[in-house]
Amino acid sequence: MDKSLDGFIFWLREKHGIMFGNLYEFHIFLQGHRFSRNQFNLPITEEEIELEKFDRWVHEKLCGDYSQCWAGIIQNKFPNDTWNKFFALLDEFRSSK
């Protein structure tokens, strides 16, 4: 597995059930990843910047309500197909750049 954040996300396409019960747990994991990098004064990566842009994009595309994180929005709008919708939205976001 590629050790980058993108490599991990690619791996999750097939293995997300092994690591996370739901998309919100993945979001919390990413927040912890960001926090730990910050604690060690590591600079923000391009991948992290891309996820921040994805967050804004999901809000604009799906609801405009900034009281929820992107994972909460996707889970609430697509409760029966959350992971597939997350990856579809991420692919759509990346192709729109």
PDB file of N, CA and C in Angstrom:
ATOM      1  N   MET A   1       0.847  -1.186   0.000  1.00  0.00           N
ATOM      2  CA  MET A   1       0.000   0.000   0.000  1.00  0.00           C
ATOM      3  C   MET A   1       0.889   1.244   0.000  1.00  0.00           C
ATOM      4  N   ASP A   2       0.527   2.193  -0.851  1.00  0.00           N
ATOM      5  CA  ASP A   2       1.165   3.500  -0.880  1.00  0.00           C
ATOM      6  C   ASP A   2       0.958   4.153   0.487  1.00  0.00           C
ATOM      7  N   LYS A   3       1.998   4.700   1.094  1.00  0.00           N
ATOM      8  CA  LYS A   3       1.899   5.240   2.443  1.00  0.00           C
ATOM      9  C   LYS A   3       1.398   6.676   2.499  1.00  0.00           C
ATOM     10  N   SER A   4       1.013   7.236   1.383  1.00  0.00           N
ATOM     11  CA  SER A   4       0.460   8.586   1.370  1.00  0.00           C
ATOM     12  C   SER A   4      -1.004   8.540   1.798  1.00  0.00           C
ATOM     13  N   LEU A   5      -1.555   9.697   2.089  1.00  0.00           N
ATOM     14  CA  LEU A   5      -2.976   9.779   2.426  1.00  0.00           C
ATOM     15  C   LEU A   5      -3.830   9.336   1.246  1.00  0.00           C
ATOM     16  N   ASP A   6      -3.450   9.723   0.044  1.00  0.00           N
ATOM     17  CA  ASP A   6      -4.180   9.277  -1.150  1.00  0.00           C
ATOM     18  C   ASP A   6      -4.109   7.759  -1.307  1.00  0.00           C
ATOM     19  N   GLY A   7      -2.943   7.193  -1.019  1.00  0.00           N
ATOM     20  CA  GLY A   7      -2.792   5.742  -1.091  1.00  0.00           C
ATOM     21  C   GLY A   7      -3.704   5.042  -0.098  1.00  0.00           C
ATOM     22  N   PHE A   8      -3.826   5.607   1.087  1.00  0.00           N
ATOM     23  CA  PHE A   8      -4.711   5.040   2.102  1.00  0.00           C
ATOM     24  C   PHE A   8      -6.171   5.131   1.653  1.00  0.00           C
ATOM     25  N   ILE A   9      -6.553   6.259   1.108  1.00  0.00           N
ATOM     26  CA  ILE A   9      -7.932   6.423   0.630  1.00  0.00           C
ATOM     27  C   ILE A   9      -8.212   5.436  -0.504  1.00  0.00           C
ATOM     28  N   PHE A  10      -7.239   5.240  -1.394  1.00  0.00           N
ATOM     29  CA  PHE A  10      -7.411   4.257  -2.466  1.00  0.00           C
ATOM     30  C   PHE A  10      -7.612   2.859  -1.878  1.00  0.00           C
ATOM     31  N   TRP A  11      -6.819   2.506  -0.889  1.00  0.00           N
ATOM     32  CA  TRP A  11      -6.931   1.205  -0.224  1.00  0.00           C
ATOM     33  C   TRP A  11      -8.306   1.050   0.413  1.00  0.00           C
ATOM     34  N   LEU A  12      -8.832   2.148   0.977  1.00  0.00           N
ATOM     35  CA  LEU A  12     -10.136   2.101   1.646  1.00  0.00           C
ATOM     36  C   LEU A  12     -11.288   1.766   0.702  1.00  0.00           C
ATOM     37  N   ARG A  13     -11.138   2.039  -0.568  1.00  0.00           N
ATOM     38  CA  ARG A  13     -12.217   1.719  -1.517  1.00  0.00           C
ATOM     39  C   ARG A  13     -12.649   0.266  -1.382  1.00  0.00           C
ATOM     40  N   GLU A  14     -11.711  -0.606  -1.133  1.00  0.00           N
ATOM     41  CA  GLU A  14     -12.013  -2.031  -1.018  1.00  0.00           C
ATOM     42  C   GLU A  14     -12.078  -2.514   0.428  1.00  0.00           C
ATOM     43  N   LYS A  15     -11.439  -1.800   1.349  1.00  0.00           N
ATOM     44  CA  LYS A  15     -11.257  -2.335   2.701  1.00  0.00           C
ATOM     45  C   LYS A  15     -11.884  -1.474   3.800  1.00  0.00           C
ATOM     46  N   HIS A  16     -12.733  -0.528   3.472  1.00  0.00           N
ATOM     47  CA  HIS A  16     -13.219   0.412   4.481  1.00  0.00           C
ATOM     48  C   HIS A  16     -13.914  -0.274   5.652  1.00  0.00           C
ATOM     49  N   GLY A  17     -14.581  -1.384   5.421  1.00  0.00           N
ATOM     50  CA  GLY A  17     -15.267  -2.078   6.502  1.00  0.00           C
ATOM     51  C   GLY A  17     -14.328  -2.671   7.540  1.00  0.00           C
ATOM     52  N   ILE A  18     -13.080  -2.906   7.156  1.00  0.00           N
ATOM     53  CA  ILE A  18     -12.089  -3.448   8.080  1.00  0.00           C
ATOM     54  C   ILE A  18     -11.687  -2.406   9.113  1.00  0.00           C
ATOM     55  N   MET A  19     -11.592  -1.161   8.680  1.00  0.00           N
ATOM     56  CA  MET A  19     -11.056  -0.105   9.544  1.00  0.00           C
ATOM     57  C   MET A  19     -12.119   0.740  10.230  1.00  0.00           C
ATOM     58  N   PHE A  20     -13.205   1.029   9.544  1.00  0.00           N
ATOM     59  CA  PHE A  20     -14.167   2.000  10.047  1.00  0.00           C
ATOM     60  C   PHE A  20     -15.589   1.465   9.941  1.00  0.00           C
ATOM     61  N   GLY A  21     -16.365   1.679  10.999  1.00  0.00           N
ATOM     62  CA  GLY A  21     -17.756   1.273  10.978  1.00  0.00           C
ATOM     63  C   GLY A  21     -18.605   2.150  10.089  1.00  0.00           C
ATOM     64  N   ASN A  22     -18.220   3.415   9.983  1.00  0.00           N
ATOM     65  CA  ASN A  22     -18.974   4.342   9.141  1.00  0.00           C
ATOM     66  C   ASN A  22     -18.064   5.471   8.670  1.00  0.00           C
ATOM     67  N   LEU A  23     -18.587   6.276   7.806  1.00  0.00           N
ATOM     68  CA  LEU A  23     -17.804   7.354   7.204  1.00  0.00           C
ATOM     69  C   LEU A  23     -17.393   8.406   8.229  1.00  0.00           C
ATOM     70  N   TYR A  24     -18.243   8.647   9.213  1.00  0.00           N
ATOM     71  CA  TYR A  24     -17.903   9.633  10.241  1.00  0.00           C
ATOM     72  C   TYR A  24     -16.662   9.197  11.026  1.00  0.00           C
ATOM     73  N   GLU A  25     -16.524   7.900  11.290  1.00  0.00           N
ATOM     74  CA  GLU A  25     -15.323   7.406  11.970  1.00  0.00           C
ATOM     75  C   GLU A  25     -14.075   7.680  11.133  1.00  0.00           C
ATOM     76  N   PHE A  26     -14.195   7.552   9.828  1.00  0.00           N
ATOM     77  CA  PHE A  26     -13.079   7.886   8.942  1.00  0.00           C
ATOM     78  C   PHE A  26     -12.751   9.378   9.047  1.00  0.00           C
ATOM     79  N   HIS A  27     -13.769  10.209   9.092  1.00  0.00           N
ATOM     80  CA  HIS A  27     -13.559  11.653   9.246  1.00  0.00           C
ATOM     81  C   HIS A  27     -12.805  11.948  10.552  1.00  0.00           C
ATOM     82  N   ILE A  28     -13.195  11.301  11.638  1.00  0.00           N
ATOM     83  CA  ILE A  28     -12.522  11.490  12.930  1.00  0.00           C
ATOM     84  C   ILE A  28     -11.065  11.036  12.832  1.00  0.00           C
ATOM     85  N   PHE A  29     -10.825   9.926  12.140  1.00  0.00           N
ATOM     86  CA  PHE A  29      -9.460   9.459  11.915  1.00  0.00           C
ATOM     87  C   PHE A  29      -8.635  10.537  11.199  1.00  0.00           C
ATOM     88  N   LEU A  30      -9.216  11.133  10.157  1.00  0.00           N
ATOM     89  CA  LEU A  30      -8.507  12.177   9.416  1.00  0.00           C
ATOM     90  C   LEU A  30      -8.225  13.395  10.295  1.00  0.00           C
ATOM     91  N   GLN A  31      -9.165  13.725  11.177  1.00  0.00           N
ATOM     92  CA  GLN A  31      -8.944  14.840  12.106  1.00  0.00           C
ATOM     93  C   GLN A  31      -7.785  14.521  13.045  1.00  0.00           C
ATOM     94  N   GLY A  32      -7.714  13.283  13.525  1.00  0.00           N
ATOM     95  CA  GLY A  32      -6.598  12.870  14.378  1.00  0.00           C
ATOM     96  C   GLY A  32      -5.276  12.902  13.638  1.00  0.00           C
ATOM     97  N   HIS A  33      -5.304  12.482  12.391  1.00  0.00           N
ATOM     98  CA  HIS A  33      -4.101  12.532  11.544  1.00  0.00           C
ATOM     99  C   HIS A  33      -3.616  13.979  11.423  1.00  0.00           C
ATOM    100  N   ARG A  34      -4.539  14.858  11.146  1.00  0.00           N
ATOM    101  CA  ARG A  34      -4.197  16.280  11.003  1.00  0.00           C
ATOM    102  C   ARG A  34      -3.666  16.851  12.314  1.00  0.00           C
ATOM    103  N   PHE A  35      -4.326  16.514  13.419  1.00  0.00           N
ATOM    104  CA  PHE A  35      -3.898  16.993  14.730  1.00  0.00           C
ATOM    105  C   PHE A  35      -2.483  16.526  15.054  1.00  0.00           C
ATOM    106  N   SER A  36      -2.194  15.248  14.808  1.00  0.00           N
ATOM    107  CA  SER A  36      -0.868  14.719  15.129  1.00  0.00           C
ATOM    108  C   SER A  36       0.211  15.370  14.270  1.00  0.00           C
ATOM    109  N   ARG A  37      -0.085  15.613  13.014  1.00  0.00           N
ATOM    110  CA  ARG A  37       0.893  16.305  12.161  1.00  0.00           C
ATOM    111  C   ARG A  37       1.145  17.721  12.694  1.00  0.00           C
ATOM    112  N   ASN A  38       0.089  18.360  13.130  1.00  0.00           N
ATOM    113  CA  ASN A  38       0.213  19.708  13.679  1.00  0.00           C
ATOM    114  C   ASN A  38       1.054  19.700  14.962  1.00  0.00           C
ATOM    115  N   GLN A  39       0.862  18.701  15.808  1.00  0.00           N
ATOM    116  CA  GLN A  39       1.611  18.606  17.063  1.00  0.00           C
ATOM    117  C   GLN A  39       3.113  18.475  16.822  1.00  0.00           C
ATOM    118  N   PHE A  40       3.483  17.869  15.718  1.00  0.00           N
ATOM    119  CA  PHE A  40       4.891  17.714  15.378  1.00  0.00           C
ATOM    120  C   PHE A  40       5.385  18.797  14.418  1.00  0.00           C
ATOM    121  N   ASN A  41       4.577  19.840  14.272  1.00  0.00           N
ATOM    122  CA  ASN A  41       4.911  20.974  13.405  1.00  0.00           C
ATOM    123  C   ASN A  41       5.236  20.560  11.971  1.00  0.00           C
ATOM    124  N   LEU A  42       4.533  19.544  11.493  1.00  0.00           N
ATOM    125  CA  LEU A  42       4.707  19.122  10.108  1.00  0.00           C
ATOM    126  C   LEU A  42       3.807  19.968   9.223  1.00  0.00           C
ATOM    127  N   PRO A  43       4.299  20.387   8.089  1.00  0.00           N
ATOM    128  CA  PRO A  43       3.486  21.243   7.217  1.00  0.00           C
ATOM    129  C   PRO A  43       2.295  20.495   6.641  1.00  0.00           C
ATOM    130  N   ILE A  44       1.250  21.221   6.347  1.00  0.00           N
ATOM    131  CA  ILE A  44       0.062  20.645   5.723  1.00  0.00           C
ATOM    132  C   ILE A  44       0.443  20.145   4.327  1.00  0.00           C
ATOM    133  N   THR A  45      -0.082  19.005   3.967  1.00  0.00           N
ATOM    134  CA  THR A  45       0.252  18.415   2.664  1.00  0.00           C
ATOM    135  C   THR A  45      -0.770  18.836   1.614  1.00  0.00           C
ATOM    136  N   GLU A  46      -0.416  18.647   0.375  1.00  0.00           N
ATOM    137  CA  GLU A  46      -1.349  18.922  -0.720  1.00  0.00           C
ATOM    138  C   GLU A  46      -2.602  18.061  -0.594  1.00  0.00           C
ATOM    139  N   GLU A  47      -2.425  16.833  -0.137  1.00  0.00           N
ATOM    140  CA  GLU A  47      -3.575  15.939   0.046  1.00  0.00           C
ATOM    141  C   GLU A  47      -4.538  16.496   1.092  1.00  0.00           C
ATOM    142  N   GLU A  48      -3.994  17.053   2.179  1.00  0.00           N
ATOM    143  CA  GLU A  48      -4.832  17.638   3.226  1.00  0.00           C
ATOM    144  C   GLU A  48      -5.542  18.890   2.717  1.00  0.00           C
ATOM    145  N   ILE A  49      -4.847  19.674   1.935  1.00  0.00           N
ATOM    146  CA  ILE A  49      -5.475  20.858   1.336  1.00  0.00           C
ATOM    147  C   ILE A  49      -6.614  20.424   0.415  1.00  0.00           C
ATOM    148  N   GLU A  50      -6.377  19.362  -0.346  1.00  0.00           N
ATOM    149  CA  GLU A  50      -7.423  18.846  -1.240  1.00  0.00           C
ATOM    150  C   GLU A  50      -8.649  18.397  -0.443  1.00  0.00           C
ATOM    151  N   LEU A  51      -8.454  17.745   0.707  1.00  0.00           N
ATOM    152  CA  LEU A  51      -9.589  17.321   1.522  1.00  0.00           C
ATOM    153  C   LEU A  51     -10.349  18.513   2.099  1.00  0.00           C
ATOM    154  N   GLU A  52      -9.642  19.596   2.430  1.00  0.00           N
ATOM    155  CA  GLU A  52     -10.327  20.820   2.882  1.00  0.00           C
ATOM    156  C   GLU A  52     -11.193  21.385   1.758  1.00  0.00           C
ATOM    157  N   LYS A  53     -10.675  21.358   0.550  1.00  0.00           N
ATOM    158  CA  LYS A  53     -11.458  21.824  -0.600  1.00  0.00           C
ATOM    159  C   LYS A  53     -12.638  20.896  -0.868  1.00  0.00           C
ATOM    160  N   PHE A  54     -12.433  19.598  -0.685  1.00  0.00           N
ATOM    161  CA  PHE A  54     -13.519  18.628  -0.837  1.00  0.00           C
ATOM    162  C   PHE A  54     -14.628  18.920   0.174  1.00  0.00           C
ATOM    163  N   ASP A  55     -14.245  19.256   1.392  1.00  0.00           N
ATOM    164  CA  ASP A  55     -15.214  19.602   2.429  1.00  0.00           C
ATOM    165  C   ASP A  55     -16.098  20.764   1.978  1.00  0.00           C
ATOM    166  N   ARG A  56     -15.496  21.824   1.505  1.00  0.00           N
ATOM    167  CA  ARG A  56     -16.272  22.983   1.021  1.00  0.00           C
ATOM    168  C   ARG A  56     -17.136  22.605  -0.180  1.00  0.00           C
ATOM    169  N   TRP A  57     -16.589  21.817  -1.069  1.00  0.00           N
ATOM    170  CA  TRP A  57     -17.311  21.395  -2.273  1.00  0.00           C
ATOM    171  C   TRP A  57     -18.546  20.571  -1.905  1.00  0.00           C
ATOM    172  N   VAL A  58     -18.398  19.631  -0.958  1.00  0.00           N
ATOM    173  CA  VAL A  58     -19.539  18.811  -0.528  1.00  0.00           C
ATOM    174  C   VAL A  58     -20.623  19.706   0.078  1.00  0.00           C
ATOM    175  N   HIS A  59     -20.214  20.657   0.905  1.00  0.00           N
ATOM    176  CA  HIS A  59     -21.196  21.563   1.506  1.00  0.00           C
ATOM    177  C   HIS A  59     -21.962  22.334   0.424  1.00  0.00           C
ATOM    178  N   GLU A  60     -21.256  22.867  -0.533  1.00  0.00           N
ATOM    179  CA  GLU A  60     -21.904  23.640  -1.590  1.00  0.00           C
ATOM    180  C   GLU A  60     -22.782  22.756  -2.476  1.00  0.00           C
ATOM    181  N   LYS A  61     -22.313  21.570  -2.777  1.00  0.00           N
ATOM    182  CA  LYS A  61     -23.048  20.679  -3.677  1.00  0.00           C
ATOM    183  C   LYS A  61     -24.286  20.068  -3.022  1.00  0.00           C
ATOM    184  N   LEU A  62     -24.177  19.689  -1.762  1.00  0.00           N
ATOM    185  CA  LEU A  62     -25.239  18.904  -1.144  1.00  0.00           C
ATOM    186  C   LEU A  62     -26.143  19.655  -0.167  1.00  0.00           C
ATOM    187  N   CYS A  63     -25.651  20.733   0.450  1.00  0.00           N
ATOM    188  CA  CYS A  63     -26.562  21.322   1.433  1.00  0.00           C
ATOM    189  C   CYS A  63     -26.341  22.796   1.738  1.00  0.00           C
ATOM    190  N   GLY A  64     -25.116  23.285   1.730  1.00  0.00           N
ATOM    191  CA  GLY A  64     -24.873  24.677   2.095  1.00  0.00           C
ATOM    192  C   GLY A  64     -24.887  24.916   3.593  1.00  0.00           C
ATOM    193  N   ASP A  65     -25.201  23.897   4.378  1.00  0.00           N
ATOM    194  CA  ASP A  65     -25.234  23.998   5.836  1.00  0.00           C
ATOM    195  C   ASP A  65     -23.865  23.638   6.390  1.00  0.00           C
ATOM    196  N   TYR A  66     -23.208  24.582   7.026  1.00  0.00           N
ATOM    197  CA  TYR A  66     -21.851  24.349   7.511  1.00  0.00           C
ATOM    198  C   TYR A  66     -21.805  23.868   8.957  1.00  0.00           C
ATOM    199  N   SER A  67     -22.941  23.426   9.491  1.00  0.00           N
ATOM    200  CA  SER A  67     -22.950  22.931  10.868  1.00  0.00           C
ATOM    201  C   SER A  67     -22.532  21.463  10.950  1.00  0.00           C
ATOM    202  N   GLN A  68     -22.402  20.787   9.817  1.00  0.00           N
ATOM    203  CA  GLN A  68     -21.982  19.389   9.772  1.00  0.00           C
ATOM    204  C   GLN A  68     -20.695  19.254   8.983  1.00  0.00           C
ATOM    205  N   CYS A  69     -19.955  18.207   9.263  1.00  0.00           N
ATOM    206  CA  CYS A  69     -18.783  17.896   8.454  1.00  0.00           C
ATOM    207  C   CYS A  69     -19.246  17.168   7.192  1.00  0.00           C
ATOM    208  N   TRP A  70     -18.359  17.064   6.214  1.00  0.00           N
ATOM    209  CA  TRP A  70     -18.714  16.419   4.959  1.00  0.00           C
ATOM    210  C   TRP A  70     -19.181  14.979   5.182  1.00  0.00           C
ATOM    211  N   ALA A  71     -18.562  14.281   6.129  1.00  0.00           N
ATOM    212  CA  ALA A  71     -18.952  12.888   6.378  1.00  0.00           C
ATOM    213  C   ALA A  71     -20.379  12.808   6.910  1.00  0.00           C
ATOM    214  N   GLY A  72     -20.740  13.711   7.801  1.00  0.00           N
ATOM    215  CA  GLY A  72     -22.095  13.739   8.331  1.00  0.00           C
ATOM    216  C   GLY A  72     -23.122  14.035   7.260  1.00  0.00           C
ATOM    217  N   ILE A  73     -22.796  14.957   6.379  1.00  0.00           N
ATOM    218  CA  ILE A  73     -23.703  15.305   5.284  1.00  0.00           C
ATOM    219  C   ILE A  73     -23.935  14.084   4.387  1.00  0.00           C
ATOM    220  N   ILE A  74     -22.852  13.424   3.996  1.00  0.00           N
ATOM    221  CA  ILE A  74     -22.976  12.269   3.104  1.00  0.00           C
ATOM    222  C   ILE A  74     -23.743  11.142   3.796  1.00  0.00           C
ATOM    223  N   GLN A  75     -23.441  10.890   5.063  1.00  0.00           N
ATOM    224  CA  GLN A  75     -24.157   9.832   5.791  1.00  0.00           C
ATOM    225  C   GLN A  75     -25.636  10.132   5.915  1.00  0.00           C
ATOM    226  N   ASN A  76     -25.970  11.388   6.172  1.00  0.00           N
ATOM    227  CA  ASN A  76     -27.380  11.756   6.324  1.00  0.00           C
ATOM    228  C   ASN A  76     -28.140  11.704   5.009  1.00  0.00           C
ATOM    229  N   LYS A  77     -27.505  12.118   3.929  1.00  0.00           N
ATOM    230  CA  LYS A  77     -28.188  12.144   2.633  1.00  0.00           C
ATOM    231  C   LYS A  77     -28.255  10.770   1.969  1.00  0.00           C
ATOM    232  N   PHE A  78     -27.282   9.929   2.256  1.00  0.00           N
ATOM    233  CA  PHE A  78     -27.193   8.616   1.596  1.00  0.00           C
ATOM    234  C   PHE A  78     -26.938   7.518   2.635  1.00  0.00           C
ATOM    235  N   PRO A  79     -27.875   7.291   3.551  1.00  0.00           N
ATOM    236  CA  PRO A  79     -27.628   6.353   4.652  1.00  0.00           C
ATOM    237  C   PRO A  79     -27.432   4.904   4.218  1.00  0.00           C
ATOM    238  N   ASN A  80     -27.972   4.524   3.089  1.00  0.00           N
ATOM    239  CA  ASN A  80     -27.859   3.132   2.651  1.00  0.00           C
ATOM    240  C   ASN A  80     -26.700   2.867   1.710  1.00  0.00           C
ATOM    241  N   ASP A  81     -26.021   3.914   1.287  1.00  0.00           N
ATOM    242  CA  ASP A  81     -24.929   3.755   0.319  1.00  0.00           C
ATOM    243  C   ASP A  81     -23.820   4.775   0.586  1.00  0.00           C
ATOM    244  N   THR A  82     -23.526   4.984   1.847  1.00  0.00           N
ATOM    245  CA  THR A  82     -22.628   6.061   2.255  1.00  0.00           C
ATOM    246  C   THR A  82     -21.234   5.954   1.654  1.00  0.00           C
ATOM    247  N   TRP A  83     -20.603   4.798   1.782  1.00  0.00           N
ATOM    248  CA  TRP A  83     -19.227   4.669   1.294  1.00  0.00           C
ATOM    249  C   TRP A  83     -19.143   4.821  -0.219  1.00  0.00           C
ATOM    250  N   ASN A  84     -20.034   4.165  -0.939  1.00  0.00           N
ATOM    251  CA  ASN A  84     -20.008   4.287  -2.403  1.00  0.00           C
ATOM    252  C   ASN A  84     -20.244   5.727  -2.828  1.00  0.00           C
ATOM    253  N   LYS A  85     -21.155   6.414  -2.154  1.00  0.00           N
ATOM    254  CA  LYS A  85     -21.427   7.812  -2.500  1.00  0.00           C
ATOM    255  C   LYS A  85     -20.221   8.690  -2.171  1.00  0.00           C
ATOM    256  N   PHE A  86     -19.552   8.413  -1.044  1.00  0.00           N
ATOM    257  CA  PHE A  86     -18.341   9.170  -0.703  1.00  0.00           C
ATOM    258  C   PHE A  86     -17.309   9.052  -1.816  1.00  0.00           C
ATOM    259  N   PHE A  87     -17.029   7.830  -2.248  1.00  0.00           N
ATOM    260  CA  PHE A  87     -16.017   7.649  -3.285  1.00  0.00           C
ATOM    261  C   PHE A  87     -16.467   8.252  -4.613  1.00  0.00           C
ATOM    262  N   ALA A  88     -17.745   8.154  -4.933  1.00  0.00           N
ATOM    263  CA  ALA A  88     -18.256   8.773  -6.166  1.00  0.00           C
ATOM    264  C   ALA A  88     -18.114  10.287  -6.101  1.00  0.00           C
ATOM    265  N   LEU A  89     -18.441  10.876  -4.964  1.00  0.00           N
ATOM    266  CA  LEU A  89     -18.303  12.331  -4.813  1.00  0.00           C
ATOM    267  C   LEU A  89     -16.835  12.750  -4.847  1.00  0.00           C
ATOM    268  N   LEU A  90     -15.981  11.979  -4.207  1.00  0.00           N
ATOM    269  CA  LEU A  90     -14.546  12.301  -4.241  1.00  0.00           C
ATOM    270  C   LEU A  90     -14.010  12.235  -5.662  1.00  0.00           C
ATOM    271  N   ASP A  91     -14.417  11.229  -6.411  1.00  0.00           N
ATOM    272  CA  ASP A  91     -13.995  11.112  -7.814  1.00  0.00           C
ATOM    273  C   ASP A  91     -14.529  12.285  -8.639  1.00  0.00           C
ATOM    274  N   GLU A  92     -15.789  12.635  -8.409  1.00  0.00           N
ATOM    275  CA  GLU A  92     -16.385  13.768  -9.135  1.00  0.00           C
ATOM    276  C   GLU A  92     -15.653  15.062  -8.800  1.00  0.00           C
ATOM    277  N   PHE A  93     -15.354  15.270  -7.523  1.00  0.00           N
ATOM    278  CA  PHE A  93     -14.614  16.466  -7.088  1.00  0.00           C
ATOM    279  C   PHE A  93     -13.249  16.513  -7.763  1.00  0.00           C
ATOM    280  N   ARG A  94     -12.545  15.410  -7.731  1.00  0.00           N
ATOM    281  CA  ARG A  94     -11.195  15.387  -8.317  1.00  0.00           C
ATOM    282  C   ARG A  94     -11.224  15.605  -9.834  1.00  0.00           C
ATOM    283  N   SER A  95     -12.237  15.101 -10.491  1.00  0.00           N
ATOM    284  CA  SER A  95     -12.314  15.274 -11.946  1.00  0.00           C
ATOM    285  C   SER A  95     -12.763  16.682 -12.322  1.00  0.00           C
ATOM    286  N   SER A  96     -13.358  17.406 -11.392  1.00  0.00           N
ATOM    287  CA  SER A  96     -13.834  18.759 -11.678  1.00  0.00           C
ATOM    288  C   SER A  96     -12.742  19.819 -11.542  1.00  0.00           C
ATOM    289  N   LYS A  97     -11.579  19.420 -11.051  1.00  0.00           N
ATOM    290  CA  LYS A  97     -10.498  20.399 -10.826  1.00  0.00           C
ATOM    291  C   LYS A  97      -9.780  20.713 -12.118  1.00  0.00           C
TER     292      LYS A  97
END
